[in-house]
């Protein structure tokens, strides 16, 4: 039988409506991973076109990967349904613009805020997700 404290903790965590996910990518190590097969399995055509529009496309691929990972980690805290990498699409309204996230229809009840940062060595992303109640 659960104690009152355990019951209270279970009740609070079952009502959780927000989550945070983050990811850090070492760009030099990521370079080894980034091949045509990886691009086809992970990135949407829109994401590939965006990354390729920059002379430093490796940095853009790494930061988009970090963003997808951060979003995935946040969503998985609230929803256990399967979610493939191409189902998380990172878009921008303009070149180097504010990142947005497109999710499948069954996840439309989530509001997401995403921040991406990168320099010569690392790409980092932070995703905050809130379930619309």
Protein backbone atom coordinates (compact mmCIF):
# COMPACT_ATOMS: atom_id res chain seq x y z
CA UNK A 1 0.00 0.00 0.00
CA UNK A 2 1.35 3.42 -0.95
CA UNK A 3 1.95 6.01 1.69
CA UNK A 4 0.24 9.40 1.55
CA UNK A 5 3.53 10.97 0.42
CA UNK A 6 3.91 8.50 -2.45
CA UNK A 7 0.30 9.10 -3.49
CA UNK A 8 0.90 12.86 -3.49
CA UNK A 9 4.06 12.53 -5.60
CA UNK A 10 2.31 10.24 -8.08
CA UNK A 11 -0.60 12.65 -8.37
CA UNK A 12 1.67 15.66 -8.97
CA UNK A 13 3.81 13.94 -11.59
CA UNK A 14 0.81 12.56 -13.45
CA UNK A 15 -0.50 16.13 -13.85
CA UNK A 16 2.76 17.47 -15.25
CA UNK A 17 2.16 19.55 -18.37
CA UNK A 18 5.65 20.81 -19.20
CA UNK A 19 9.08 19.39 -19.96
CA UNK A 20 12.54 20.60 -20.93
CA UNK A 21 14.97 18.92 -23.28
CA UNK A 22 18.47 19.95 -24.31
CA UNK A 23 21.31 18.62 -26.40
CA UNK A 24 24.95 19.50 -26.95
CA UNK A 25 26.77 18.43 -30.12
CA UNK A 26 30.55 18.52 -30.54
CA UNK A 27 30.76 19.58 -34.18
CA UNK A 28 34.09 17.87 -34.93
CA UNK A 29 32.70 14.51 -33.73
CA UNK A 30 29.41 15.11 -35.54
CA UNK A 31 31.29 15.50 -38.84
CA UNK A 32 32.03 11.75 -38.78
CA UNK A 33 28.31 10.96 -38.40
CA UNK A 34 27.09 13.29 -41.15
CA UNK A 35 26.86 11.25 -44.34
CA UNK A 36 24.21 11.05 -47.06
CA UNK A 37 22.46 8.10 -45.39
CA UNK A 38 22.26 9.94 -42.05
CA UNK A 39 20.88 13.04 -43.79
CA UNK A 40 18.19 10.98 -45.54
CA UNK A 41 17.16 9.22 -42.31
CA UNK A 42 17.13 12.30 -40.06
CA UNK A 43 16.48 15.51 -41.99
CA UNK A 44 13.49 16.63 -44.03
CA UNK A 45 14.04 18.14 -47.50
CA UNK A 46 13.26 21.58 -46.01
CA UNK A 47 15.93 21.14 -43.32
CA UNK A 48 18.51 19.91 -45.85
CA UNK A 49 17.83 22.89 -48.14
CA UNK A 50 18.21 25.26 -45.18
CA UNK A 51 21.48 23.74 -43.99
CA UNK A 52 22.93 23.60 -47.50
CA UNK A 53 22.16 27.30 -48.06
CA UNK A 54 25.07 28.18 -45.72
CA UNK A 55 28.77 27.91 -46.51
CA UNK A 56 29.21 26.37 -43.02
CA UNK A 57 26.53 23.72 -43.58
CA UNK A 58 28.16 21.34 -41.07
CA UNK A 59 27.45 23.81 -38.26
CA UNK A 60 23.82 24.14 -39.43
CA UNK A 61 23.33 20.38 -39.63
CA UNK A 62 24.79 19.99 -36.14
CA UNK A 63 22.59 22.71 -34.66
CA UNK A 64 19.48 21.30 -36.34
CA UNK A 65 20.37 17.85 -35.00
CA UNK A 66 20.80 19.30 -31.50
CA UNK A 67 17.38 20.97 -31.86
CA UNK A 68 15.69 17.73 -32.96
CA UNK A 69 17.30 15.88 -30.02
CA UNK A 70 16.21 18.55 -27.54
CA UNK A 71 12.63 18.52 -28.81
CA UNK A 72 12.57 14.70 -28.78
CA UNK A 73 13.82 14.58 -25.18
CA UNK A 74 11.18 17.07 -24.05
CA UNK A 75 8.31 15.33 -25.84
CA UNK A 76 9.26 11.89 -24.56
CA UNK A 77 8.76 13.09 -20.99
CA UNK A 78 5.08 13.73 -21.76
CA UNK A 79 4.19 11.37 -24.60
CA UNK A 80 5.36 7.81 -25.17
CA UNK A 81 4.06 7.36 -28.72
CA UNK A 82 6.65 6.56 -31.42
CA UNK A 83 8.31 9.60 -32.95
CA UNK A 84 10.73 9.39 -35.87
CA UNK A 85 13.37 12.03 -36.53
CA UNK A 86 11.70 13.31 -39.70
CA UNK A 87 8.48 13.86 -37.74
CA UNK A 88 10.27 16.66 -35.87
CA UNK A 89 10.96 19.41 -38.40
CA UNK A 90 12.98 22.48 -37.48
CA UNK A 91 12.06 25.49 -39.63
CA UNK A 92 12.93 29.16 -39.72
CA UNK A 93 10.87 32.00 -41.16
CA UNK A 94 14.03 33.44 -42.75
CA UNK A 95 17.71 32.61 -43.10
CA UNK A 96 19.27 32.48 -39.60
CA UNK A 97 15.83 33.33 -38.20
CA UNK A 98 13.99 32.20 -35.10
CA UNK A 99 13.62 28.40 -35.08
CA UNK A 100 10.18 26.84 -35.07
CA UNK A 101 9.13 23.22 -34.69
CA UNK A 102 6.63 21.33 -36.82
CA UNK A 103 5.24 18.21 -35.18
CA UNK A 104 2.82 15.47 -36.31
CA UNK A 105 -0.89 16.05 -35.87
CA UNK A 106 -1.16 13.86 -32.75
CA UNK A 107 1.26 16.22 -30.96
CA UNK A 108 -0.49 19.48 -31.89
CA UNK A 109 -1.60 20.01 -28.29
CA UNK A 110 1.97 20.98 -27.35
CA UNK A 111 3.39 24.49 -27.37
CA UNK A 112 7.12 24.58 -27.94
CA UNK A 113 9.83 27.14 -27.44
CA UNK A 114 13.21 26.37 -28.96
CA UNK A 115 16.59 28.06 -28.66
CA UNK A 116 19.63 27.08 -30.71
CA UNK A 117 23.20 28.29 -30.29
CA UNK A 118 26.43 27.35 -32.01
CA UNK A 119 30.05 28.36 -32.35
CA UNK A 120 33.05 26.78 -34.07
CA UNK A 121 33.17 23.79 -31.71
CA UNK A 122 29.67 23.14 -30.34
CA UNK A 123 26.00 23.34 -31.20
CA UNK A 124 23.48 23.45 -28.38
CA UNK A 125 19.69 23.49 -28.25
CA UNK A 126 17.11 23.88 -25.51
CA UNK A 127 13.43 23.00 -25.95
CA UNK A 128 10.66 23.90 -23.55
CA UNK A 129 7.36 22.15 -24.15
CA UNK A 130 4.00 22.83 -22.57
CA UNK A 131 0.81 20.83 -23.06
CA UNK A 132 -2.16 23.04 -23.88
CA UNK A 133 -4.81 22.32 -21.31
